[in-house]
Amino acid sequence: MNSRPAPFEALSVAPATSGLVLDFDGVLSPIVDDPGASELPNRVAWSLARLGPTMGLLAVISGRPVEFLKERIAIPEIRLLGTYGIEQVHDGDTPRRSRREKVAKQRQRSDQCLA
C-alpha cells in the first residue's frame, strides 16, 4: 500500500510543500477566437492571489511567450513559465531563459566551431 497522500490531499494537508502548475489557455482562461484577446477572468485571478502565498510553488505555464503572461497575470507569488517553460518570470523579475536553453545554445556554438 502506498503511504503517499493523493495529490489533492497533499495540496490541502501540506500546501507549503506542494506545487501546482496550471496551463493558461483552456484551463485558467477560456479558449477564444482571437488568441491575443484572451484574459484571466477576475474570479480566477482572485483565487490564484489567495492560493499563491500558501503554496510551495504556484506556476502558470503556456506555449506563448512569458511577456504575454506578464501582461495578464500580475500576481507576485506566481511563477510564469512561457514558451513551455523555457522562459521564466518570478515576482515580476525580468524574463530568464532556462538553463537547458543556455546549454543548447552553447552546444550549437560548439558544434559550429568543430564543423
PDB file of N, CA and C in Angstrom:
ATOM      1  N   MET A   1       0.833  -1.183   0.000  1.00  0.00           N
ATOM      2  CA  MET A   1       0.000   0.000   0.000  1.00  0.00           C
ATOM      3  C   MET A   1       0.879   1.248   0.000  1.00  0.00           C
ATOM      4  N   ASN A   2       0.485   2.246  -0.748  1.00  0.00           N
ATOM      5  CA  ASN A   2       1.230   3.493  -0.874  1.00  0.00           C
ATOM      6  C   ASN A   2       0.896   4.417   0.290  1.00  0.00           C
ATOM      7  N   SER A   3       1.928   4.913   0.984  1.00  0.00           N
ATOM      8  CA  SER A   3       1.695   5.793   2.130  1.00  0.00           C
ATOM      9  C   SER A   3       1.659   7.270   1.720  1.00  0.00           C
ATOM     10  N   ARG A   4       1.931   7.552   0.448  1.00  0.00           N
ATOM     11  CA  ARG A   4       1.893   8.936  -0.019  1.00  0.00           C
ATOM     12  C   ARG A   4       0.447   9.388  -0.168  1.00  0.00           C
ATOM     13  N   PRO A   5       0.160  10.639   0.189  1.00  0.00           N
ATOM     14  CA  PRO A   5      -1.215  11.123   0.027  1.00  0.00           C
ATOM     15  C   PRO A   5      -1.553  11.322  -1.447  1.00  0.00           C
ATOM     16  N   ALA A   6      -2.841  11.255  -1.748  1.00  0.00           N
ATOM     17  CA  ALA A   6      -3.306  11.565  -3.106  1.00  0.00           C
ATOM     18  C   ALA A   6      -2.978  13.028  -3.388  1.00  0.00           C
ATOM     19  N   PRO A   7      -2.786  13.395  -4.651  1.00  0.00           N
ATOM     20  CA  PRO A   7      -2.396  14.777  -4.968  1.00  0.00           C
ATOM     21  C   PRO A   7      -3.297  15.838  -4.328  1.00  0.00           C
ATOM     22  N   PHE A   8      -4.587  15.647  -4.414  1.00  0.00           N
ATOM     23  CA  PHE A   8      -5.489  16.650  -3.845  1.00  0.00           C
ATOM     24  C   PHE A   8      -5.335  16.730  -2.326  1.00  0.00           C
ATOM     25  N   GLU A   9      -5.120  15.577  -1.690  1.00  0.00           N
ATOM     26  CA  GLU A   9      -4.896  15.576  -0.237  1.00  0.00           C
ATOM     27  C   GLU A   9      -3.616  16.317   0.115  1.00  0.00           C
ATOM     28  N   ALA A  10      -2.574  16.111  -0.656  1.00  0.00           N
ATOM     29  CA  ALA A  10      -1.293  16.786  -0.402  1.00  0.00           C
ATOM     30  C   ALA A  10      -1.456  18.295  -0.483  1.00  0.00           C
ATOM     31  N   LEU A  11      -2.226  18.756  -1.451  1.00  0.00           N
ATOM     32  CA  LEU A  11      -2.449  20.190  -1.583  1.00  0.00           C
ATOM     33  C   LEU A  11      -3.158  20.765  -0.369  1.00  0.00           C
ATOM     34  N   SER A  12      -4.095  20.033   0.180  1.00  0.00           N
ATOM     35  CA  SER A  12      -4.854  20.554   1.306  1.00  0.00           C
ATOM     36  C   SER A  12      -4.161  20.324   2.639  1.00  0.00           C
ATOM     37  N   VAL A  13      -3.420  19.223   2.770  1.00  0.00           N
ATOM     38  CA  VAL A  13      -2.759  18.907   4.039  1.00  0.00           C
ATOM     39  C   VAL A  13      -1.450  19.673   4.197  1.00  0.00           C
ATOM     40  N   ALA A  14      -0.671  19.780   3.141  1.00  0.00           N
ATOM     41  CA  ALA A  14       0.646  20.408   3.224  1.00  0.00           C
ATOM     42  C   ALA A  14       0.876  21.334   2.026  1.00  0.00           C
ATOM     43  N   PRO A  15       0.129  22.415   1.915  1.00  0.00           N
ATOM     44  CA  PRO A  15       0.276  23.279   0.743  1.00  0.00           C
ATOM     45  C   PRO A  15       1.663  23.918   0.627  1.00  0.00           C
ATOM     46  N   ALA A  16       2.312  24.179   1.742  1.00  0.00           N
ATOM     47  CA  ALA A  16       3.625  24.835   1.695  1.00  0.00           C
ATOM     48  C   ALA A  16       4.702  23.958   1.058  1.00  0.00           C
ATOM     49  N   THR A  17       4.465  22.650   1.018  1.00  0.00           N
ATOM     50  CA  THR A  17       5.426  21.742   0.391  1.00  0.00           C
ATOM     51  C   THR A  17       4.851  21.116  -0.880  1.00  0.00           C
ATOM     52  N   SER A  18       3.774  21.710  -1.376  1.00  0.00           N
ATOM     53  CA  SER A  18       3.121  21.211  -2.589  1.00  0.00           C
ATOM     54  C   SER A  18       3.285  22.216  -3.720  1.00  0.00           C
ATOM     55  N   GLY A  19       3.155  21.726  -4.935  1.00  0.00           N
ATOM     56  CA  GLY A  19       3.241  22.591  -6.094  1.00  0.00           C
ATOM     57  C   GLY A  19       2.093  22.347  -7.044  1.00  0.00           C
ATOM     58  N   LEU A  20       1.745  23.398  -7.753  1.00  0.00           N
ATOM     59  CA  LEU A  20       0.664  23.322  -8.715  1.00  0.00           C
ATOM     60  C   LEU A  20       1.067  24.150  -9.932  1.00  0.00           C
ATOM     61  N   VAL A  21       1.071  23.521 -11.110  1.00  0.00           N
ATOM     62  CA  VAL A  21       1.388  24.201 -12.357  1.00  0.00           C
ATOM     63  C   VAL A  21       0.156  24.096 -13.254  1.00  0.00           C
ATOM     64  N   LEU A  22      -0.368  25.248 -13.648  1.00  0.00           N
ATOM     65  CA  LEU A  22      -1.617  25.301 -14.408  1.00  0.00           C
ATOM     66  C   LEU A  22      -1.384  25.932 -15.777  1.00  0.00           C
ATOM     67  N   ASP A  23      -2.032  25.392 -16.791  1.00  0.00           N
ATOM     68  CA  ASP A  23      -1.936  25.941 -18.139  1.00  0.00           C
ATOM     69  C   ASP A  23      -2.840  27.161 -18.252  1.00  0.00           C
ATOM     70  N   PHE A  24      -2.400  28.151 -19.006  1.00  0.00           N
ATOM     71  CA  PHE A  24      -3.188  29.374 -19.157  1.00  0.00           C
ATOM     72  C   PHE A  24      -4.399  29.147 -20.048  1.00  0.00           C
ATOM     73  N   ASP A  25      -4.169  28.814 -21.307  1.00  0.00           N
ATOM     74  CA  ASP A  25      -5.265  28.691 -22.275  1.00  0.00           C
ATOM     75  C   ASP A  25      -6.070  27.422 -22.063  1.00  0.00           C
ATOM     76  N   GLY A  26      -7.351  27.598 -21.837  1.00  0.00           N
ATOM     77  CA  GLY A  26      -8.245  26.464 -21.706  1.00  0.00           C
ATOM     78  C   GLY A  26      -8.355  25.915 -20.296  1.00  0.00           C
ATOM     79  N   VAL A  27      -7.463  26.314 -19.400  1.00  0.00           N
ATOM     80  CA  VAL A  27      -7.553  25.889 -18.006  1.00  0.00           C
ATOM     81  C   VAL A  27      -7.905  27.096 -17.137  1.00  0.00           C
ATOM     82  N   LEU A  28      -7.049  28.118 -17.166  1.00  0.00           N
ATOM     83  CA  LEU A  28      -7.315  29.320 -16.386  1.00  0.00           C
ATOM     84  C   LEU A  28      -8.116  30.349 -17.169  1.00  0.00           C
ATOM     85  N   SER A  29      -7.916  30.377 -18.474  1.00  0.00           N
ATOM     86  CA  SER A  29      -8.590  31.329 -19.342  1.00  0.00           C
ATOM     87  C   SER A  29      -9.347  30.564 -20.417  1.00  0.00           C
ATOM     88  N   PRO A  30     -10.570  30.987 -20.707  1.00  0.00           N
ATOM     89  CA  PRO A  30     -11.316  30.281 -21.754  1.00  0.00           C
ATOM     90  C   PRO A  30     -10.651  30.424 -23.119  1.00  0.00           C
ATOM     91  N   ILE A  31     -10.819  29.430 -23.958  1.00  0.00           N
ATOM     92  CA  ILE A  31     -10.349  29.498 -25.342  1.00  0.00           C
ATOM     93  C   ILE A  31     -11.233  30.504 -26.081  1.00  0.00           C
ATOM     94  N   VAL A  32     -10.591  31.414 -26.798  1.00  0.00           N
ATOM     95  CA  VAL A  32     -11.333  32.434 -27.554  1.00  0.00           C
ATOM     96  C   VAL A  32     -10.870  32.422 -29.004  1.00  0.00           C
ATOM     97  N   ASP A  33     -11.684  33.003 -29.890  1.00  0.00           N
ATOM     98  CA  ASP A  33     -11.355  33.018 -31.324  1.00  0.00           C
ATOM     99  C   ASP A  33     -10.079  33.802 -31.608  1.00  0.00           C
ATOM    100  N   ASP A  34      -9.896  34.933 -30.920  1.00  0.00           N
ATOM    101  CA  ASP A  34      -8.700  35.761 -31.110  1.00  0.00           C
ATOM    102  C   ASP A  34      -7.759  35.502 -29.935  1.00  0.00           C
ATOM    103  N   PRO A  35      -6.703  34.719 -30.130  1.00  0.00           N
ATOM    104  CA  PRO A  35      -5.814  34.371 -29.021  1.00  0.00           C
ATOM    105  C   PRO A  35      -5.239  35.579 -28.282  1.00  0.00           C
ATOM    106  N   GLY A  36      -5.010  36.670 -28.990  1.00  0.00           N
ATOM    107  CA  GLY A  36      -4.476  37.862 -28.342  1.00  0.00           C
ATOM    108  C   GLY A  36      -5.461  38.519 -27.395  1.00  0.00           C
ATOM    109  N   ALA A  37      -6.737  38.174 -27.530  1.00  0.00           N
ATOM    110  CA  ALA A  37      -7.774  38.766 -26.690  1.00  0.00           C
ATOM    111  C   ALA A  37      -8.036  37.960 -25.418  1.00  0.00           C
ATOM    112  N   SER A  38      -7.347  36.841 -25.240  1.00  0.00           N
ATOM    113  CA  SER A  38      -7.620  36.037 -24.047  1.00  0.00           C
ATOM    114  C   SER A  38      -7.158  36.771 -22.796  1.00  0.00           C
ATOM    115  N   GLU A  39      -7.925  36.611 -21.737  1.00  0.00           N
ATOM    116  CA  GLU A  39      -7.651  37.272 -20.469  1.00  0.00           C
ATOM    117  C   GLU A  39      -7.878  36.298 -19.328  1.00  0.00           C
ATOM    118  N   LEU A  40      -7.286  36.615 -18.203  1.00  0.00           N
ATOM    119  CA  LEU A  40      -7.512  35.850 -16.990  1.00  0.00           C
ATOM    120  C   LEU A  40      -8.765  36.404 -16.321  1.00  0.00           C
ATOM    121  N   PRO A  41      -9.802  35.587 -16.181  1.00  0.00           N
ATOM    122  CA  PRO A  41     -11.022  36.094 -15.541  1.00  0.00           C
ATOM    123  C   PRO A  41     -10.732  36.571 -14.110  1.00  0.00           C
ATOM    124  N   ASN A  42     -11.447  37.608 -13.683  1.00  0.00           N
ATOM    125  CA  ASN A  42     -11.230  38.184 -12.350  1.00  0.00           C
ATOM    126  C   ASN A  42     -11.366  37.153 -11.231  1.00  0.00           C
ATOM    127  N   ARG A  43     -12.344  36.279 -11.326  1.00  0.00           N
ATOM    128  CA  ARG A  43     -12.550  35.285 -10.267  1.00  0.00           C
ATOM    129  C   ARG A  43     -11.369  34.318 -10.175  1.00  0.00           C
ATOM    130  N   VAL A  44     -10.744  34.029 -11.321  1.00  0.00           N
ATOM    131  CA  VAL A  44      -9.573  33.149 -11.338  1.00  0.00           C
ATOM    132  C   VAL A  44      -8.370  33.881 -10.754  1.00  0.00           C
ATOM    133  N   ALA A  45      -8.183  35.143 -11.135  1.00  0.00           N
ATOM    134  CA  ALA A  45      -7.086  35.939 -10.583  1.00  0.00           C
ATOM    135  C   ALA A  45      -7.218  36.040  -9.067  1.00  0.00           C
ATOM    136  N   TRP A  46      -8.412  36.270  -8.584  1.00  0.00           N
ATOM    137  CA  TRP A  46      -8.667  36.359  -7.145  1.00  0.00           C
ATOM    138  C   TRP A  46      -8.307  35.047  -6.453  1.00  0.00           C
ATOM    139  N   SER A  47      -8.718  33.938  -7.034  1.00  0.00           N
ATOM    140  CA  SER A  47      -8.411  32.623  -6.442  1.00  0.00           C
ATOM    141  C   SER A  47      -6.909  32.354  -6.431  1.00  0.00           C
ATOM    142  N   LEU A  48      -6.226  32.681  -7.525  1.00  0.00           N
ATOM    143  CA  LEU A  48      -4.780  32.470  -7.578  1.00  0.00           C
ATOM    144  C   LEU A  48      -4.055  33.355  -6.573  1.00  0.00           C
ATOM    145  N   ALA A  49      -4.516  34.591  -6.427  1.00  0.00           N
ATOM    146  CA  ALA A  49      -3.889  35.510  -5.470  1.00  0.00           C
ATOM    147  C   ALA A  49      -4.027  34.998  -4.036  1.00  0.00           C
ATOM    148  N   ARG A  50      -5.126  34.373  -3.726  1.00  0.00           N
ATOM    149  CA  ARG A  50      -5.325  33.795  -2.384  1.00  0.00           C
ATOM    150  C   ARG A  50      -4.510  32.527  -2.209  1.00  0.00           C
ATOM    151  N   LEU A  51      -4.400  31.734  -3.249  1.00  0.00           N
ATOM    152  CA  LEU A  51      -3.701  30.451  -3.187  1.00  0.00           C
ATOM    153  C   LEU A  51      -2.183  30.615  -3.202  1.00  0.00           C
ATOM    154  N   GLY A  52      -1.684  31.569  -3.969  1.00  0.00           N
ATOM    155  CA  GLY A  52      -0.249  31.754  -4.168  1.00  0.00           C
ATOM    156  C   GLY A  52       0.600  31.777  -2.909  1.00  0.00           C
ATOM    157  N   PRO A  53       0.273  32.596  -1.927  1.00  0.00           N
ATOM    158  CA  PRO A  53       1.119  32.682  -0.731  1.00  0.00           C
ATOM    159  C   PRO A  53       1.133  31.406   0.122  1.00  0.00           C
ATOM    160  N   THR A  54       0.180  30.537  -0.087  1.00  0.00           N
ATOM    161  CA  THR A  54       0.098  29.322   0.731  1.00  0.00           C
ATOM    162  C   THR A  54       0.844  28.138   0.125  1.00  0.00           C
ATOM    163  N   MET A  55       1.191  28.232  -1.163  1.00  0.00           N
ATOM    164  CA  MET A  55       1.773  27.096  -1.877  1.00  0.00           C
ATOM    165  C   MET A  55       3.296  27.148  -1.887  1.00  0.00           C
ATOM    166  N   GLY A  56       3.911  25.974  -1.916  1.00  0.00           N
ATOM    167  CA  GLY A  56       5.345  25.904  -2.120  1.00  0.00           C
ATOM    168  C   GLY A  56       5.700  26.390  -3.514  1.00  0.00           C
ATOM    169  N   LEU A  57       4.872  26.068  -4.487  1.00  0.00           N
ATOM    170  CA  LEU A  57       5.041  26.517  -5.861  1.00  0.00           C
ATOM    171  C   LEU A  57       3.670  26.654  -6.489  1.00  0.00           C
ATOM    172  N   LEU A  58       3.431  27.806  -7.085  1.00  0.00           N
ATOM    173  CA  LEU A  58       2.244  28.004  -7.903  1.00  0.00           C
ATOM    174  C   LEU A  58       2.728  28.653  -9.184  1.00  0.00           C
ATOM    175  N   ALA A  59       2.493  27.992 -10.310  1.00  0.00           N
ATOM    176  CA  ALA A  59       3.004  28.479 -11.586  1.00  0.00           C
ATOM    177  C   ALA A  59       1.932  28.386 -12.654  1.00  0.00           C
ATOM    178  N   VAL A  60       2.062  29.268 -13.642  1.00  0.00           N
ATOM    179  CA  VAL A  60       1.211  29.230 -14.826  1.00  0.00           C
ATOM    180  C   VAL A  60       2.135  29.007 -16.013  1.00  0.00           C
ATOM    181  N   ILE A  61       1.813  28.020 -16.820  1.00  0.00           N
ATOM    182  CA  ILE A  61       2.622  27.682 -17.986  1.00  0.00           C
ATOM    183  C   ILE A  61       1.818  27.926 -19.255  1.00  0.00           C
ATOM    184  N   SER A  62       2.532  28.257 -20.323  1.00  0.00           N
ATOM    185  CA  SER A  62       1.880  28.486 -21.604  1.00  0.00           C
ATOM    186  C   SER A  62       2.873  28.248 -22.734  1.00  0.00           C
ATOM    187  N   GLY A  63       2.360  27.957 -23.888  1.00  0.00           N
ATOM    188  CA  GLY A  63       3.198  27.881 -25.070  1.00  0.00           C
ATOM    189  C   GLY A  63       3.519  29.271 -25.602  1.00  0.00           C
ATOM    190  N   ARG A  64       2.838  30.263 -25.096  1.00  0.00           N
ATOM    191  CA  ARG A  64       3.061  31.645 -25.522  1.00  0.00           C
ATOM    192  C   ARG A  64       4.287  32.219 -24.819  1.00  0.00           C
ATOM    193  N   PRO A  65       4.816  33.328 -25.322  1.00  0.00           N
ATOM    194  CA  PRO A  65       5.953  33.964 -24.650  1.00  0.00           C
ATOM    195  C   PRO A  65       5.584  34.431 -23.241  1.00  0.00           C
ATOM    196  N   VAL A  66       6.569  34.476 -22.378  1.00  0.00           N
ATOM    197  CA  VAL A  66       6.330  34.859 -20.991  1.00  0.00           C
ATOM    198  C   VAL A  66       5.809  36.297 -20.887  1.00  0.00           C
ATOM    199  N   GLU A  67       6.167  37.152 -21.827  1.00  0.00           N
ATOM    200  CA  GLU A  67       5.659  38.532 -21.817  1.00  0.00           C
ATOM    201  C   GLU A  67       4.133  38.553 -21.925  1.00  0.00           C
ATOM    202  N   PHE A  68       3.574  37.635 -22.694  1.00  0.00           N
ATOM    203  CA  PHE A  68       2.116  37.511 -22.807  1.00  0.00           C
ATOM    204  C   PHE A  68       1.514  37.247 -21.432  1.00  0.00           C
ATOM    205  N   LEU A  69       2.122  36.323 -20.682  1.00  0.00           N
ATOM    206  CA  LEU A  69       1.621  36.005 -19.351  1.00  0.00           C
ATOM    207  C   LEU A  69       1.792  37.183 -18.394  1.00  0.00           C
ATOM    208  N   LYS A  70       2.938  37.866 -18.467  1.00  0.00           N
ATOM    209  CA  LYS A  70       3.181  39.020 -17.598  1.00  0.00           C
ATOM    210  C   LYS A  70       2.117  40.096 -17.778  1.00  0.00           C
ATOM    211  N   GLU A  71       1.650  40.271 -19.000  1.00  0.00           N
ATOM    212  CA  GLU A  71       0.634  41.281 -19.279  1.00  0.00           C
ATOM    213  C   GLU A  71      -0.722  40.908 -18.680  1.00  0.00           C
ATOM    214  N   ARG A  72      -0.936  39.632 -18.418  1.00  0.00           N
ATOM    215  CA  ARG A  72      -2.243  39.170 -17.968  1.00  0.00           C
ATOM    216  C   ARG A  72      -2.292  38.694 -16.524  1.00  0.00           C
ATOM    217  N   ILE A  73      -1.137  38.388 -15.961  1.00  0.00           N
ATOM    218  CA  ILE A  73      -1.101  37.854 -14.591  1.00  0.00           C
ATOM    219  C   ILE A  73      -0.115  38.683 -13.778  1.00  0.00           C
ATOM    220  N   ALA A  74      -0.643  39.536 -12.937  1.00  0.00           N
ATOM    221  CA  ALA A  74       0.198  40.413 -12.115  1.00  0.00           C
ATOM    222  C   ALA A  74       0.091  40.002 -10.650  1.00  0.00           C
ATOM    223  N   ILE A  75       0.400  38.753 -10.387  1.00  0.00           N
ATOM    224  CA  ILE A  75       0.331  38.220  -9.022  1.00  0.00           C
ATOM    225  C   ILE A  75       1.743  37.778  -8.643  1.00  0.00           C
ATOM    226  N   PRO A  76       2.401  38.499  -7.732  1.00  0.00           N
ATOM    227  CA  PRO A  76       3.821  38.248  -7.454  1.00  0.00           C
ATOM    228  C   PRO A  76       4.179  36.815  -7.067  1.00  0.00           C
ATOM    229  N   GLU A  77       3.324  36.131  -6.353  1.00  0.00           N
ATOM    230  CA  GLU A  77       3.660  34.792  -5.870  1.00  0.00           C
ATOM    231  C   GLU A  77       3.638  33.725  -6.945  1.00  0.00           C
ATOM    232  N   ILE A  78       3.167  34.076  -8.125  1.00  0.00           N
ATOM    233  CA  ILE A  78       3.015  33.078  -9.186  1.00  0.00           C
ATOM    234  C   ILE A  78       4.206  33.125 -10.129  1.00  0.00           C
ATOM    235  N   ARG A  79       4.820  31.975 -10.328  1.00  0.00           N
ATOM    236  CA  ARG A  79       5.909  31.854 -11.303  1.00  0.00           C
ATOM    237  C   ARG A  79       5.265  31.695 -12.677  1.00  0.00           C
ATOM    238  N   LEU A  80       5.740  32.477 -13.638  1.00  0.00           N
ATOM    239  CA  LEU A  80       5.222  32.422 -15.002  1.00  0.00           C
ATOM    240  C   LEU A  80       6.212  31.674 -15.874  1.00  0.00           C
ATOM    241  N   LEU A  81       5.725  30.683 -16.604  1.00  0.00           N
ATOM    242  CA  LEU A  81       6.555  29.838 -17.459  1.00  0.00           C
ATOM    243  C   LEU A  81       6.065  29.970 -18.897  1.00  0.00           C
ATOM    244  N   GLY A  82       6.778  30.744 -19.679  1.00  0.00           N
ATOM    245  CA  GLY A  82       6.398  30.954 -21.067  1.00  0.00           C
ATOM    246  C   GLY A  82       7.162  30.028 -21.991  1.00  0.00           C
ATOM    247  N   THR A  83       6.682  29.933 -23.212  1.00  0.00           N
ATOM    248  CA  THR A  83       7.282  29.071 -24.233  1.00  0.00           C
ATOM    249  C   THR A  83       7.536  27.675 -23.660  1.00  0.00           C
ATOM    250  N   TYR A  84       6.502  27.107 -23.069  1.00  0.00           N
ATOM    251  CA  TYR A  84       6.524  25.760 -22.483  1.00  0.00           C
ATOM    252  C   TYR A  84       7.588  25.608 -21.404  1.00  0.00           C
ATOM    253  N   GLY A  85       7.868  26.686 -20.685  1.00  0.00           N
ATOM    254  CA  GLY A  85       8.805  26.614 -19.570  1.00  0.00           C
ATOM    255  C   GLY A  85      10.213  27.076 -19.883  1.00  0.00           C
ATOM    256  N   ILE A  86      10.488  27.409 -21.137  1.00  0.00           N
ATOM    257  CA  ILE A  86      11.830  27.874 -21.492  1.00  0.00           C
ATOM    258  C   ILE A  86      12.088  29.255 -20.887  1.00  0.00           C
ATOM    259  N   GLU A  87      11.057  30.113 -20.880  1.00  0.00           N
ATOM    260  CA  GLU A  87      11.178  31.442 -20.285  1.00  0.00           C
ATOM    261  C   GLU A  87      10.505  31.426 -18.914  1.00  0.00           C
ATOM    262  N   GLN A  88      11.119  32.116 -17.953  1.00  0.00           N
ATOM    263  CA  GLN A  88      10.559  32.135 -16.606  1.00  0.00           C
ATOM    264  C   GLN A  88      10.582  33.537 -16.021  1.00  0.00           C
ATOM    265  N   VAL A  89       9.531  33.871 -15.284  1.00  0.00           N
ATOM    266  CA  VAL A  89       9.467  35.121 -14.535  1.00  0.00           C
ATOM    267  C   VAL A  89       8.895  34.780 -13.168  1.00  0.00           C
ATOM    268  N   HIS A  90       9.509  35.336 -12.125  1.00  0.00           N
ATOM    269  CA  HIS A  90       9.003  35.146 -10.770  1.00  0.00           C
ATOM    270  C   HIS A  90       9.094  36.467 -10.037  1.00  0.00           C
ATOM    271  N   ASP A  91       8.048  36.834  -9.325  1.00  0.00           N
ATOM    272  CA  ASP A  91       7.988  38.097  -8.576  1.00  0.00           C
ATOM    273  C   ASP A  91       8.296  39.303  -9.447  1.00  0.00           C
ATOM    274  N   GLY A  92       7.836  39.285 -10.700  1.00  0.00           N
ATOM    275  CA  GLY A  92       8.000  40.423 -11.584  1.00  0.00           C
ATOM    276  C   GLY A  92       9.392  40.623 -12.147  1.00  0.00           C
ATOM    277  N   ASP A  93      10.287  39.665 -11.918  1.00  0.00           N
ATOM    278  CA  ASP A  93      11.644  39.764 -12.465  1.00  0.00           C
ATOM    279  C   ASP A  93      11.602  39.888 -13.982  1.00  0.00           C
ATOM    280  N   THR A  94      12.740  40.245 -14.541  1.00  0.00           N
ATOM    281  CA  THR A  94      12.854  40.227 -15.995  1.00  0.00           C
ATOM    282  C   THR A  94      12.882  38.768 -16.442  1.00  0.00           C
ATOM    283  N   PRO A  95      12.375  38.478 -17.619  1.00  0.00           N
ATOM    284  CA  PRO A  95      12.339  37.090 -18.091  1.00  0.00           C
ATOM    285  C   PRO A  95      13.728  36.466 -18.120  1.00  0.00           C
ATOM    286  N   ARG A  96      13.793  35.206 -17.698  1.00  0.00           N
ATOM    287  CA  ARG A  96      15.037  34.438 -17.745  1.00  0.00           C
ATOM    288  C   ARG A  96      14.831  33.236 -18.630  1.00  0.00           C
ATOM    289  N   ARG A  97      15.884  32.859 -19.289  1.00  0.00           N
ATOM    290  CA  ARG A  97      15.864  31.631 -20.085  1.00  0.00           C
ATOM    291  C   ARG A  97      16.297  30.485 -19.186  1.00  0.00           C
ATOM    292  N   SER A  98      15.750  29.329 -19.416  1.00  0.00           N
ATOM    293  CA  SER A  98      16.110  28.182 -18.597  1.00  0.00           C
ATOM    294  C   SER A  98      17.537  27.735 -18.889  1.00  0.00           C
ATOM    295  N   ARG A  99      18.114  27.029 -17.965  1.00  0.00           N
ATOM    296  CA  ARG A  99      19.472  26.504 -18.118  1.00  0.00           C
ATOM    297  C   ARG A  99      19.555  25.580 -19.332  1.00  0.00           C
ATOM    298  N   ARG A 100      18.505  24.821 -19.558  1.00  0.00           N
ATOM    299  CA  ARG A 100      18.502  23.892 -20.691  1.00  0.00           C
ATOM    300  C   ARG A 100      18.702  24.645 -22.006  1.00  0.00           C
ATOM    301  N   GLU A 101      18.033  25.790 -22.161  1.00  0.00           N
ATOM    302  CA  GLU A 101      18.182  26.550 -23.393  1.00  0.00           C
ATOM    303  C   GLU A 101      19.597  27.111 -23.512  1.00  0.00           C
ATOM    304  N   LYS A 102      20.166  27.572 -22.406  1.00  0.00           N
ATOM    305  CA  LYS A 102      21.529  28.087 -22.439  1.00  0.00           C
ATOM    306  C   LYS A 102      22.507  26.989 -22.855  1.00  0.00           C
ATOM    307  N   VAL A 103      22.317  25.798 -22.316  1.00  0.00           N
ATOM    308  CA  VAL A 103      23.184  24.670 -22.661  1.00  0.00           C
ATOM    309  C   VAL A 103      23.020  24.328 -24.141  1.00  0.00           C
ATOM    310  N   ALA A 104      21.784  24.341 -24.636  1.00  0.00           N
ATOM    311  CA  ALA A 104      21.541  24.024 -26.048  1.00  0.00           C
ATOM    312  C   ALA A 104      22.220  25.041 -26.958  1.00  0.00           C
ATOM    313  N   LYS A 105      22.171  26.320 -26.591  1.00  0.00           N
ATOM    314  CA  LYS A 105      22.833  27.336 -27.408  1.00  0.00           C
ATOM    315  C   LYS A 105      24.344  27.149 -27.388  1.00  0.00           C
ATOM    316  N   GLN A 106      24.893  26.824 -26.223  1.00  0.00           N
ATOM    317  CA  GLN A 106      26.338  26.608 -26.121  1.00  0.00           C
ATOM    318  C   GLN A 106      26.756  25.387 -26.936  1.00  0.00           C
ATOM    319  N   ARG A 107      25.942  24.344 -26.905  1.00  0.00           N
ATOM    320  CA  ARG A 107      26.227  23.141 -27.688  1.00  0.00           C
ATOM    321  C   ARG A 107      26.216  23.476 -29.180  1.00  0.00           C
ATOM    322  N   GLN A 108      25.264  24.286 -29.602  1.00  0.00           N
ATOM    323  CA  GLN A 108      25.172  24.666 -31.008  1.00  0.00           C
ATOM    324  C   GLN A 108      26.409  25.458 -31.415  1.00  0.00           C
ATOM    325  N   ARG A 109      26.861  26.369 -30.565  1.00  0.00           N
ATOM    326  CA  ARG A 109      28.084  27.125 -30.868  1.00  0.00           C
ATOM    327  C   ARG A 109      29.293  26.195 -30.966  1.00  0.00           C
ATOM    328  N   SER A 110      29.377  25.241 -30.046  1.00  0.00           N
ATOM    329  CA  SER A 110      30.476  24.289 -30.061  1.00  0.00           C
ATOM    330  C   SER A 110      30.479  23.460 -31.330  1.00  0.00           C
ATOM    331  N   ASP A 111      29.288  23.013 -31.726  1.00  0.00           N
ATOM    332  CA  ASP A 111      29.181  22.210 -32.958  1.00  0.00           C
ATOM    333  C   ASP A 111      29.600  23.020 -34.168  1.00  0.00           C
ATOM    334  N   GLN A 112      29.256  24.317 -34.185  1.00  0.00           N
ATOM    335  CA  GLN A 112      29.641  25.168 -35.303  1.00  0.00           C
ATOM    336  C   GLN A 112      31.162  25.335 -35.352  1.00  0.00           C
ATOM    337  N   CYS A 113      31.786  25.460 -34.186  1.00  0.00           N
ATOM    338  CA  CYS A 113      33.242  25.612 -34.141  1.00  0.00           C
ATOM    339  C   CYS A 113      33.962  24.347 -34.606  1.00  0.00           C
ATOM    340  N   LEU A 114      33.385  23.200 -34.314  1.00  0.00           N
ATOM    341  CA  LEU A 114      34.007  21.930 -34.668  1.00  0.00           C
ATOM    342  C   LEU A 114      33.747  21.528 -36.114  1.00  0.00           C
ATOM    343  N   ALA A 115      32.750  22.156 -36.731  1.00  0.00           N
ATOM    344  CA  ALA A 115      32.390  21.775 -38.112  1.00  0.00           C
ATOM    345  C   ALA A 115      33.386  22.290 -39.129  1.00  0.00           C
TER     346      ALA A 115
END
